[in-house]
Amino acid sequence: WPIIDEAIQCYHGDLEYREMLGCLHAFAQGKI
């Protein structure tokens, strides 16, 4: 989580962030 959180902040305005949200959607439904 700490590096995922850092990446969210680093790439929030970048083009790939849209797809990163898809990864976070799956992560949110996992065994976290």
Full PDB file with SEQRES, HELIX, SHEET, SSBOND, CRYST1, ORIGX, SCALE, CONECT and MASTER records, all heavy atoms in Angstrom:
SEQRES   1 A   32  TRP PRO ILE ILE ASP GLU ALA ILE GLN CYS TYR HIS GLY          
SEQRES   2 A   32  ASP LEU GLU TYR ARG GLU MET LEU GLY CYS LEU HIS ALA          
SEQRES   3 A   32  PHE ALA GLN GLY LYS ILE                                      
HELIX    1 AA1 PRO A    2  TYR A   11  1                                  10    
HELIX    2 AA2 TYR A   17  ALA A   28  1                                  12    
CRYST1    1.000    1.000    1.000  90.00  90.00  90.00 P 1           1          
ORIGX1      1.000000  0.000000  0.000000        0.00000                         
ORIGX2      0.000000  1.000000  0.000000        0.00000                         
ORIGX3      0.000000  0.000000  1.000000        0.00000                         
SCALE1      1.000000  0.000000  0.000000        0.00000                         
SCALE2      0.000000  1.000000  0.000000        0.00000                         
SCALE3      0.000000  0.000000  1.000000        0.00000                         
ATOM      1  N   TRP A   1       0.781  -1.227   0.000  1.00  0.00           N  
ATOM      2  CA  TRP A   1       0.000   0.000   0.000  1.00  0.00           C  
ATOM      3  C   TRP A   1       0.819   1.287   0.000  1.00  0.00           C  
ATOM      4  O   TRP A   1       0.489   2.231  -0.740  1.00  0.00           O  
ATOM      5  CB  TRP A   1      -0.994  -0.008   1.155  1.00  0.00           C  
ATOM      6  CG  TRP A   1      -1.633   1.323   1.389  1.00  0.00           C  
ATOM      7  CD1 TRP A   1      -1.572   2.093   2.509  1.00  0.00           C  
ATOM      8  CD2 TRP A   1      -2.414   2.087   0.451  1.00  0.00           C  
ATOM      9  NE1 TRP A   1      -2.258   3.272   2.338  1.00  0.00           N  
ATOM     10  CE2 TRP A   1      -2.786   3.300   1.074  1.00  0.00           C  
ATOM     11  CE3 TRP A   1      -2.827   1.862  -0.863  1.00  0.00           C  
ATOM     12  CZ2 TRP A   1      -3.551   4.276   0.447  1.00  0.00           C  
ATOM     13  CZ3 TRP A   1      -3.587   2.842  -1.507  1.00  0.00           C  
ATOM     14  CH2 TRP A   1      -3.942   4.025  -0.851  1.00  0.00           C  
ATOM     15  N   PRO A   2       1.897   1.426   0.774  1.00  0.00           N  
ATOM     16  CA  PRO A   2       2.625   2.701   0.744  1.00  0.00           C  
ATOM     17  C   PRO A   2       3.105   3.107  -0.644  1.00  0.00           C  
ATOM     18  O   PRO A   2       3.043   4.294  -0.998  1.00  0.00           O  
ATOM     19  CB  PRO A   2       3.802   2.454   1.704  1.00  0.00           C  
ATOM     20  CG  PRO A   2       3.284   1.414   2.650  1.00  0.00           C  
ATOM     21  CD  PRO A   2       2.433   0.514   1.806  1.00  0.00           C  
ATOM     22  N   ILE A   3       3.569   2.149  -1.452  1.00  0.00           N  
ATOM     23  CA  ILE A   3       4.048   2.542  -2.785  1.00  0.00           C  
ATOM     24  C   ILE A   3       2.884   2.711  -3.760  1.00  0.00           C  
ATOM     25  O   ILE A   3       2.981   3.504  -4.704  1.00  0.00           O  
ATOM     26  CB  ILE A   3       5.121   1.581  -3.342  1.00  0.00           C  
ATOM     27  CG1 ILE A   3       4.599   0.159  -3.475  1.00  0.00           C  
ATOM     28  CG2 ILE A   3       6.366   1.626  -2.484  1.00  0.00           C  
ATOM     29  CD1 ILE A   3       5.580  -0.753  -4.214  1.00  0.00           C  
ATOM     30  N   ILE A   4       1.783   1.996  -3.555  1.00  0.00           N  
ATOM     31  CA  ILE A   4       0.593   2.243  -4.371  1.00  0.00           C  
ATOM     32  C   ILE A   4       0.084   3.656  -4.096  1.00  0.00           C  
ATOM     33  O   ILE A   4      -0.259   4.403  -5.013  1.00  0.00           O  
ATOM     34  CB  ILE A   4      -0.494   1.196  -4.079  1.00  0.00           C  
ATOM     35  CG1 ILE A   4      -0.093  -0.171  -4.650  1.00  0.00           C  
ATOM     36  CG2 ILE A   4      -1.837   1.625  -4.674  1.00  0.00           C  
ATOM     37  CD1 ILE A   4      -1.091  -1.274  -4.368  1.00  0.00           C  
ATOM     38  N   ASP A   5       0.045   4.028  -2.823  1.00  0.00           N  
ATOM     39  CA  ASP A   5      -0.416   5.357  -2.446  1.00  0.00           C  
ATOM     40  C   ASP A   5       0.491   6.433  -3.042  1.00  0.00           C  
ATOM     41  O   ASP A   5       0.019   7.468  -3.543  1.00  0.00           O  
ATOM     42  CB  ASP A   5      -0.451   5.466  -0.924  1.00  0.00           C  
ATOM     43  CG  ASP A   5      -1.068   6.773  -0.439  1.00  0.00           C  
ATOM     44  OD1 ASP A   5      -2.087   7.196  -1.009  1.00  0.00           O  
ATOM     45  OD2 ASP A   5      -0.533   7.367   0.508  1.00  0.00           O  
ATOM     46  N   GLU A   6       1.789   6.204  -3.008  1.00  0.00           N  
ATOM     47  CA  GLU A   6       2.730   7.160  -3.592  1.00  0.00           C  
ATOM     48  C   GLU A   6       2.511   7.288  -5.092  1.00  0.00           C  
ATOM     49  O   GLU A   6       2.546   8.395  -5.655  1.00  0.00           O  
ATOM     50  CB  GLU A   6       4.168   6.729  -3.304  1.00  0.00           C  
ATOM     51  CG  GLU A   6       5.214   7.719  -3.777  1.00  0.00           C  
ATOM     52  CD  GLU A   6       6.626   7.307  -3.428  1.00  0.00           C  
ATOM     53  OE1 GLU A   6       6.811   6.312  -2.700  1.00  0.00           O  
ATOM     54  OE2 GLU A   6       7.565   7.992  -3.900  1.00  0.00           O  
ATOM     55  N   ALA A   7       2.259   6.145  -5.748  1.00  0.00           N  
ATOM     56  CA  ALA A   7       2.029   6.168  -7.194  1.00  0.00           C  
ATOM     57  C   ALA A   7       0.752   6.917  -7.547  1.00  0.00           C  
ATOM     58  O   ALA A   7       0.704   7.644  -8.548  1.00  0.00           O  
ATOM     59  CB  ALA A   7       1.969   4.739  -7.730  1.00  0.00           C  
ATOM     60  N   ILE A   8      -0.293   6.751  -6.733  1.00  0.00           N  
ATOM     61  CA  ILE A   8      -1.540   7.482  -6.967  1.00  0.00           C  
ATOM     62  C   ILE A   8      -1.257   8.982  -6.985  1.00  0.00           C  
ATOM     63  O   ILE A   8      -1.754   9.719  -7.848  1.00  0.00           O  
ATOM     64  CB  ILE A   8      -2.576   7.148  -5.882  1.00  0.00           C  
ATOM     65  CG1 ILE A   8      -3.044   5.693  -6.009  1.00  0.00           C  
ATOM     66  CG2 ILE A   8      -3.781   8.096  -5.970  1.00  0.00           C  
ATOM     67  CD1 ILE A   8      -3.901   5.222  -4.844  1.00  0.00           C  
ATOM     68  N   GLN A   9      -0.459   9.431  -6.041  1.00  0.00           N  
ATOM     69  CA  GLN A   9      -0.149  10.853  -5.960  1.00  0.00           C  
ATOM     70  C   GLN A   9       0.768  11.310  -7.101  1.00  0.00           C  
ATOM     71  O   GLN A   9       0.602  12.395  -7.648  1.00  0.00           O  
ATOM     72  CB  GLN A   9       0.500  11.154  -4.611  1.00  0.00           C  
ATOM     73  CG  GLN A   9      -0.423  10.878  -3.424  1.00  0.00           C  
ATOM     74  CD  GLN A   9       0.316  11.006  -2.101  1.00  0.00           C  
ATOM     75  OE1 GLN A   9       0.623  12.108  -1.652  1.00  0.00           O  
ATOM     76  NE2 GLN A   9       0.614   9.877  -1.471  1.00  0.00           N  
ATOM     77  N   CYS A  10       1.715  10.459  -7.472  1.00  0.00           N  
ATOM     78  CA  CYS A  10       2.665  10.822  -8.523  1.00  0.00           C  
ATOM     79  C   CYS A  10       2.010  10.911  -9.896  1.00  0.00           C  
ATOM     80  O   CYS A  10       2.332  11.788 -10.696  1.00  0.00           O  
ATOM     81  CB  CYS A  10       3.796   9.794  -8.583  1.00  0.00           C  
ATOM     82  SG  CYS A  10       4.988   9.883  -7.236  1.00  0.00           S  
ATOM     83  N   TYR A  11       1.093   9.983 -10.186  1.00  0.00           N  
ATOM     84  CA  TYR A  11       0.581   9.839 -11.543  1.00  0.00           C  
ATOM     85  C   TYR A  11      -0.876  10.261 -11.696  1.00  0.00           C  
ATOM     86  O   TYR A  11      -1.496   9.989 -12.725  1.00  0.00           O  
ATOM     87  CB  TYR A  11       0.764   8.387 -12.012  1.00  0.00           C  
ATOM     88  CG  TYR A  11       2.180   7.896 -11.838  1.00  0.00           C  
ATOM     89  CD1 TYR A  11       2.462   6.716 -11.152  1.00  0.00           C  
ATOM     90  CD2 TYR A  11       3.259   8.635 -12.338  1.00  0.00           C  
ATOM     91  CE1 TYR A  11       3.768   6.283 -10.972  1.00  0.00           C  
ATOM     92  CE2 TYR A  11       4.566   8.213 -12.163  1.00  0.00           C  
ATOM     93  CZ  TYR A  11       4.819   7.030 -11.481  1.00  0.00           C  
ATOM     94  OH  TYR A  11       6.107   6.609 -11.303  1.00  0.00           O  
ATOM     95  N   HIS A  12      -1.396  10.947 -10.704  1.00  0.00           N  
ATOM     96  CA  HIS A  12      -2.806  11.323 -10.701  1.00  0.00           C  
ATOM     97  C   HIS A  12      -3.217  12.074 -11.966  1.00  0.00           C  
ATOM     98  O   HIS A  12      -4.310  11.856 -12.496  1.00  0.00           O  
ATOM     99  CB  HIS A  12      -3.109  12.169  -9.460  1.00  0.00           C  
ATOM    100  CG  HIS A  12      -4.541  12.570  -9.336  1.00  0.00           C  
ATOM    101  ND1 HIS A  12      -5.037  13.740  -9.877  1.00  0.00           N  
ATOM    102  CD2 HIS A  12      -5.592  11.952  -8.752  1.00  0.00           C  
ATOM    103  CE1 HIS A  12      -6.328  13.826  -9.616  1.00  0.00           C  
ATOM    104  NE2 HIS A  12      -6.697  12.762  -8.936  1.00  0.00           N  
ATOM    105  N   GLY A  13      -2.371  12.918 -12.473  1.00  0.00           N  
ATOM    106  CA  GLY A  13      -2.727  13.704 -13.647  1.00  0.00           C  
ATOM    107  C   GLY A  13      -2.253  13.117 -14.962  1.00  0.00           C  
ATOM    108  O   GLY A  13      -2.465  13.712 -16.024  1.00  0.00           O  
ATOM    109  N   ASP A  14      -1.635  11.942 -14.931  1.00  0.00           N  
ATOM    110  CA  ASP A  14      -1.078  11.347 -16.141  1.00  0.00           C  
ATOM    111  C   ASP A  14      -2.118  10.504 -16.882  1.00  0.00           C  
ATOM    112  O   ASP A  14      -3.128  10.082 -16.312  1.00  0.00           O  
ATOM    113  CB  ASP A  14       0.131  10.470 -15.790  1.00  0.00           C  
ATOM    114  CG  ASP A  14       1.308  11.289 -15.274  1.00  0.00           C  
ATOM    115  OD1 ASP A  14       1.196  12.526 -15.274  1.00  0.00           O  
ATOM    116  OD2 ASP A  14       2.318  10.690 -14.874  1.00  0.00           O  
ATOM    117  N   LEU A  15      -1.836  10.214 -18.144  1.00  0.00           N  
ATOM    118  CA  LEU A  15      -2.780   9.471 -18.965  1.00  0.00           C  
ATOM    119  C   LEU A  15      -3.046   8.072 -18.428  1.00  0.00           C  
ATOM    120  O   LEU A  15      -4.163   7.560 -18.506  1.00  0.00           O  
ATOM    121  CB  LEU A  15      -2.254   9.381 -20.408  1.00  0.00           C  
ATOM    122  CG  LEU A  15      -2.222  10.700 -21.196  1.00  0.00           C  
ATOM    123  CD1 LEU A  15      -1.580  10.473 -22.553  1.00  0.00           C  
ATOM    124  CD2 LEU A  15      -3.632  11.263 -21.355  1.00  0.00           C  
ATOM    125  N   GLU A  16      -2.009   7.432 -17.866  1.00  0.00           N  
ATOM    126  CA  GLU A  16      -2.193   6.054 -17.395  1.00  0.00           C  
ATOM    127  C   GLU A  16      -3.022   5.961 -16.119  1.00  0.00           C  
ATOM    128  O   GLU A  16      -3.426   4.862 -15.717  1.00  0.00           O  
ATOM    129  CB  GLU A  16      -0.843   5.356 -17.188  1.00  0.00           C  
ATOM    130  CG  GLU A  16       0.012   5.898 -16.073  1.00  0.00           C  
ATOM    131  CD  GLU A  16       1.064   6.869 -16.543  1.00  0.00           C  
ATOM    132  OE1 GLU A  16       0.785   7.625 -17.518  1.00  0.00           O  
ATOM    133  OE2 GLU A  16       2.158   6.892 -15.955  1.00  0.00           O  
ATOM    134  N   TYR A  17      -3.289   7.100 -15.475  1.00  0.00           N  
ATOM    135  CA  TYR A  17      -4.037   7.045 -14.213  1.00  0.00           C  
ATOM    136  C   TYR A  17      -5.440   6.490 -14.405  1.00  0.00           C  
ATOM    137  O   TYR A  17      -5.981   5.836 -13.518  1.00  0.00           O  
ATOM    138  CB  TYR A  17      -4.106   8.422 -13.558  1.00  0.00           C  
ATOM    139  CG  TYR A  17      -4.744   8.376 -12.183  1.00  0.00           C  
ATOM    140  CD1 TYR A  17      -4.083   7.757 -11.122  1.00  0.00           C  
ATOM    141  CD2 TYR A  17      -6.006   8.915 -11.952  1.00  0.00           C  
ATOM    142  CE1 TYR A  17      -4.668   7.679  -9.863  1.00  0.00           C  
ATOM    143  CE2 TYR A  17      -6.589   8.848 -10.699  1.00  0.00           C  
ATOM    144  CZ  TYR A  17      -5.921   8.227  -9.663  1.00  0.00           C  
ATOM    145  OH  TYR A  17      -6.493   8.144  -8.416  1.00  0.00           O  
ATOM    146  N   ARG A  18      -6.026   6.720 -15.550  1.00  0.00           N  
ATOM    147  CA  ARG A  18      -7.358   6.167 -15.845  1.00  0.00           C  
ATOM    148  C   ARG A  18      -7.351   4.646 -15.700  1.00  0.00           C  
ATOM    149  O   ARG A  18      -8.249   4.062 -15.094  1.00  0.00           O  
ATOM    150  CB  ARG A  18      -7.775   6.574 -17.258  1.00  0.00           C  
ATOM    151  CG  ARG A  18      -9.168   6.104 -17.674  1.00  0.00           C  
ATOM    152  CD  ARG A  18      -9.408   6.452 -19.142  1.00  0.00           C  
ATOM    153  NE  ARG A  18     -10.714   6.036 -19.585  1.00  0.00           N  
ATOM    154  CZ  ARG A  18     -11.776   6.827 -19.646  1.00  0.00           C  
ATOM    155  NH1 ARG A  18     -11.669   8.096 -19.292  1.00  0.00           N  
ATOM    156  NH2 ARG A  18     -12.944   6.370 -20.078  1.00  0.00           N  
ATOM    157  N   GLU A  19      -6.310   4.009 -16.254  1.00  0.00           N  
ATOM    158  CA  GLU A  19      -6.217   2.548 -16.147  1.00  0.00           C  
ATOM    159  C   GLU A  19      -5.792   2.129 -14.745  1.00  0.00           C  
ATOM    160  O   GLU A  19      -6.146   1.038 -14.279  1.00  0.00           O  
ATOM    161  CB  GLU A  19      -5.252   2.015 -17.202  1.00  0.00           C  
ATOM    162  CG  GLU A  19      -5.769   2.195 -18.621  1.00  0.00           C  
ATOM    163  CD  GLU A  19      -4.907   1.490 -19.640  1.00  0.00           C  
ATOM    164  OE1 GLU A  19      -4.661   0.287 -19.484  1.00  0.00           O  
ATOM    165  OE2 GLU A  19      -4.466   2.157 -20.596  1.00  0.00           O  
ATOM    166  N   MET A  20      -5.043   2.958 -14.071  1.00  0.00           N  
ATOM    167  CA  MET A  20      -4.678   2.658 -12.690  1.00  0.00           C  
ATOM    168  C   MET A  20      -5.921   2.578 -11.806  1.00  0.00           C  
ATOM    169  O   MET A  20      -5.981   1.767 -10.874  1.00  0.00           O  
ATOM    170  CB  MET A  20      -3.705   3.707 -12.166  1.00  0.00           C  
ATOM    171  CG  MET A  20      -2.297   3.578 -12.719  1.00  0.00           C  
ATOM    172  SD  MET A  20      -1.182   4.852 -12.063  1.00  0.00           S  
ATOM    173  CE  MET A  20       0.398   4.257 -12.697  1.00  0.00           C  
ATOM    174  N   LEU A  21      -6.910   3.405 -12.100  1.00  0.00           N  
ATOM    175  CA  LEU A  21      -8.157   3.334 -11.335  1.00  0.00           C  
ATOM    176  C   LEU A  21      -8.823   1.970 -11.501  1.00  0.00           C  
ATOM    177  O   LEU A  21      -9.439   1.453 -10.562  1.00  0.00           O  
ATOM    178  CB  LEU A  21      -9.114   4.442 -11.779  1.00  0.00           C  
ATOM    179  CG  LEU A  21      -8.844   5.837 -11.217  1.00  0.00           C  
ATOM    180  CD1 LEU A  21      -9.754   6.855 -11.899  1.00  0.00           C  
ATOM    181  CD2 LEU A  21      -9.053   5.868  -9.707  1.00  0.00           C  
ATOM    182  N   GLY A  22      -8.710   1.374 -12.683  1.00  0.00           N  
ATOM    183  CA  GLY A  22      -9.239   0.035 -12.877  1.00  0.00           C  
ATOM    184  C   GLY A  22      -8.534  -0.982 -11.987  1.00  0.00           C  
ATOM    185  O   GLY A  22      -9.170  -1.885 -11.430  1.00  0.00           O  
ATOM    186  N   CYS A  23      -7.225  -0.829 -11.834  1.00  0.00           N  
ATOM    187  CA  CYS A  23      -6.462  -1.703 -10.941  1.00  0.00           C  
ATOM    188  C   CYS A  23      -6.892  -1.496  -9.489  1.00  0.00           C  
ATOM    189  O   CYS A  23      -7.018  -2.465  -8.721  1.00  0.00           O  
ATOM    190  CB  CYS A  23      -4.971  -1.429 -11.088  1.00  0.00           C  
ATOM    191  SG  CYS A  23      -4.304  -1.638 -12.750  1.00  0.00           S  
ATOM    192  N   LEU A  24      -7.120  -0.243  -9.116  1.00  0.00           N  
ATOM    193  CA  LEU A  24      -7.550   0.050  -7.749  1.00  0.00           C  
ATOM    194  C   LEU A  24      -8.944  -0.499  -7.474  1.00  0.00           C  
ATOM    195  O   LEU A  24      -9.252  -0.901  -6.347  1.00  0.00           O  
ATOM    196  CB  LEU A  24      -7.524   1.566  -7.511  1.00  0.00           C  
ATOM    197  CG  LEU A  24      -6.139   2.203  -7.451  1.00  0.00           C  
ATOM    198  CD1 LEU A  24      -6.261   3.716  -7.365  1.00  0.00           C  
ATOM    199  CD2 LEU A  24      -5.335   1.668  -6.268  1.00  0.00           C  
ATOM    200  N   HIS A  25      -9.783  -0.533  -8.488  1.00  0.00           N  
ATOM    201  CA  HIS A  25     -11.129  -1.098  -8.332  1.00  0.00           C  
ATOM    202  C   HIS A  25     -11.028  -2.570  -7.952  1.00  0.00           C  
ATOM    203  O   HIS A  25     -11.728  -3.049  -7.045  1.00  0.00           O  
ATOM    204  CB  HIS A  25     -11.913  -0.922  -9.637  1.00  0.00           C  
ATOM    205  CG  HIS A  25     -13.329  -1.362  -9.563  1.00  0.00           C  
ATOM    206  ND1 HIS A  25     -13.717  -2.661  -9.827  1.00  0.00           N  
ATOM    207  CD2 HIS A  25     -14.476  -0.690  -9.238  1.00  0.00           C  
ATOM    208  CE1 HIS A  25     -15.030  -2.764  -9.694  1.00  0.00           C  
ATOM    209  NE2 HIS A  25     -15.513  -1.586  -9.333  1.00  0.00           N  
ATOM    210  N   ALA A  26     -10.148  -3.301  -8.637  1.00  0.00           N  
ATOM    211  CA  ALA A  26      -9.952  -4.715  -8.311  1.00  0.00           C  
ATOM    212  C   ALA A  26      -9.284  -4.877  -6.948  1.00  0.00           C  
ATOM    213  O   ALA A  26      -9.645  -5.760  -6.165  1.00  0.00           O  
ATOM    214  CB  ALA A  26      -9.114  -5.387  -9.401  1.00  0.00           C  
ATOM    215  N   PHE A  27      -8.315  -4.028  -6.659  1.00  0.00           N  
ATOM    216  CA  PHE A  27      -7.619  -4.063  -5.368  1.00  0.00           C  
ATOM    217  C   PHE A  27      -8.613  -3.857  -4.225  1.00  0.00           C  
ATOM    218  O   PHE A  27      -8.550  -4.549  -3.204  1.00  0.00           O  
ATOM    219  CB  PHE A  27      -6.549  -2.973  -5.351  1.00  0.00           C  
ATOM    220  CG  PHE A  27      -5.736  -2.882  -4.091  1.00  0.00           C  
ATOM    221  CD1 PHE A  27      -4.775  -3.842  -3.793  1.00  0.00           C  
ATOM    222  CD2 PHE A  27      -5.904  -1.816  -3.217  1.00  0.00           C  
ATOM    223  CE1 PHE A  27      -4.005  -3.749  -2.631  1.00  0.00           C  
ATOM    224  CE2 PHE A  27      -5.139  -1.712  -2.057  1.00  0.00           C  
ATOM    225  CZ  PHE A  27      -4.190  -2.681  -1.772  1.00  0.00           C  
ATOM    226  N   ALA A  28      -9.534  -2.922  -4.382  1.00  0.00           N  
ATOM    227  CA  ALA A  28     -10.514  -2.606  -3.336  1.00  0.00           C  
ATOM    228  C   ALA A  28     -11.428  -3.775  -3.021  1.00  0.00           C  
ATOM    229  O   ALA A  28     -11.997  -3.856  -1.925  1.00  0.00           O  
ATOM    230  CB  ALA A  28     -11.347  -1.395  -3.760  1.00  0.00           C  
ATOM    231  N   GLN A  29     -11.564  -4.705  -3.970  1.00  0.00           N  
ATOM    232  CA  GLN A  29     -12.431  -5.863  -3.766  1.00  0.00           C  
ATOM    233  C   GLN A  29     -11.661  -7.099  -3.316  1.00  0.00           C  
ATOM    234  O   GLN A  29     -12.241  -8.169  -3.138  1.00  0.00           O  
ATOM    235  CB  GLN A  29     -13.185  -6.167  -5.061  1.00  0.00           C  
ATOM    236  CG  GLN A  29     -14.095  -5.029  -5.489  1.00  0.00           C  
ATOM    237  CD  GLN A  29     -14.788  -5.310  -6.808  1.00  0.00           C  
ATOM    238  OE1 GLN A  29     -15.807  -5.987  -6.871  1.00  0.00           O  
ATOM    239  NE2 GLN A  29     -14.214  -4.794  -7.888  1.00  0.00           N  
ATOM    240  N   GLY A  30     -10.335  -6.941  -3.134  1.00  0.00           N  
ATOM    241  CA  GLY A  30      -9.507  -8.066  -2.731  1.00  0.00           C  
ATOM    242  C   GLY A  30      -9.446  -8.246  -1.229  1.00  0.00           C  
ATOM    243  O   GLY A  30     -10.179  -7.604  -0.464  1.00  0.00           O  
ATOM    244  N   LYS A  31      -8.531  -9.102  -0.794  1.00  0.00           N  
ATOM    245  CA  LYS A  31      -8.377  -9.421   0.628  1.00  0.00           C  
ATOM    246  C   LYS A  31      -7.420  -8.423   1.281  1.00  0.00           C  
ATOM    247  O   LYS A  31      -6.327  -8.776   1.723  1.00  0.00           O  
ATOM    248  CB  LYS A  31      -7.856 -10.848   0.775  1.00  0.00           C  
ATOM    249  CG  LYS A  31      -8.789 -11.908   0.177  1.00  0.00           C  
ATOM    250  CD  LYS A  31      -8.161 -13.289   0.241  1.00  0.00           C  
ATOM    251  CE  LYS A  31      -9.062 -14.323  -0.410  1.00  0.00           C  
ATOM    252  NZ  LYS A  31      -8.432 -15.681  -0.413  1.00  0.00           N  
ATOM    253  N   ILE A  32      -7.867  -7.181   1.342  1.00  0.00           N  
ATOM    254  CA  ILE A  32      -7.001  -6.125   1.858  1.00  0.00           C  
ATOM    255  C   ILE A  32      -7.312  -5.823   3.319  1.00  0.00           C  
ATOM    256  O   ILE A  32      -8.413  -6.083   3.802  1.00  0.00           O  
ATOM    257  CB  ILE A  32      -7.105  -4.848   1.013  1.00  0.00           C  
ATOM    258  CG1 ILE A  32      -8.526  -4.270   1.045  1.00  0.00           C  
ATOM    259  CG2 ILE A  32      -6.695  -5.133  -0.431  1.00  0.00           C  
ATOM    260  CD1 ILE A  32      -8.651  -2.938   0.314  1.00  0.00           C  
TER     261      ILE A  32                                                      
MASTER        0    0    0    2    0    0    0    6  260    1    0    3          
END                                                                             
